[in-house]
Amino acid sequence: MQTITLKKLLVTALGTAAIALGTGSAAQAAVIFSDNFDQEAPGGLNFTTFDKWDVTDGTVDVIPVGSSFNYYPGNGSYVDLDGSTGDAGVLTTKQAFNPGTYLLKFVLGGSTGQNNLNDVLVSFGSLNEIFTVASDDPLKQFTRAVTLGSASELSFSNAGGDNIGAILDSASVETIPTPVLLPGLIGLGIGVLRKRKVAQAEA
């Protein structure tokens, strides 16, 4: 008859934990906010009537498909974070996100308009990070895990004011499921071992 050791118990419990966490994350993760600005047609300079955002300072432009300023064809509409008033904008979600842990994804690119740099401050709970974007930088996706201690909005703030800002092509927020507590998983592992022991005894 096989002897059940503490080492075997822990290995089984940790194995069970890995399986539970893997399947739990796949089942529970969900996108709760997403915007690629394509619905903001016809767009325009100093745009304010966003569906999911407020311009909380300065101005921004929405560059629509077919515009003479559409430097990223094939990517739909997007936002120039430094509008056309010499006062760079702050774009803030209308939605406030509840406390928790989230995965933030967004796509930034260069202005393509002239040889300049744009600093974009991204603020979201524990995240307050400046992303420096050169004018010839292609569109690039950034991903950050973020913890919110209280209800918070997501915002993008472009420094400067030369009317040629960084490009925001899309942004999304998805939940990160809270892991099951390890003691519970160890208990699950003990249950598995007990069933195995009973089966061996009856064999």
Foldseek 3Di string as FASTA:
>chain_A
DDDDDPVNLVVLLVVLQVVCLVVVQVVPKDWPDKDQCLVVPPWAFQDAPDPFKGFPWAGKTKHAPPDPQCPPPPLGIWIFQATDPLTGTKIKTPFWDAFAKKKKKWKKAALLPDFDKKWKFKDDAVGTDIDIYTNHGGIDMDIDIHGHPGTGIIMITIDGGPRRGMITRMMIMMHGDDRDDSVVSSVVSVVVVVVVVVVVVVD
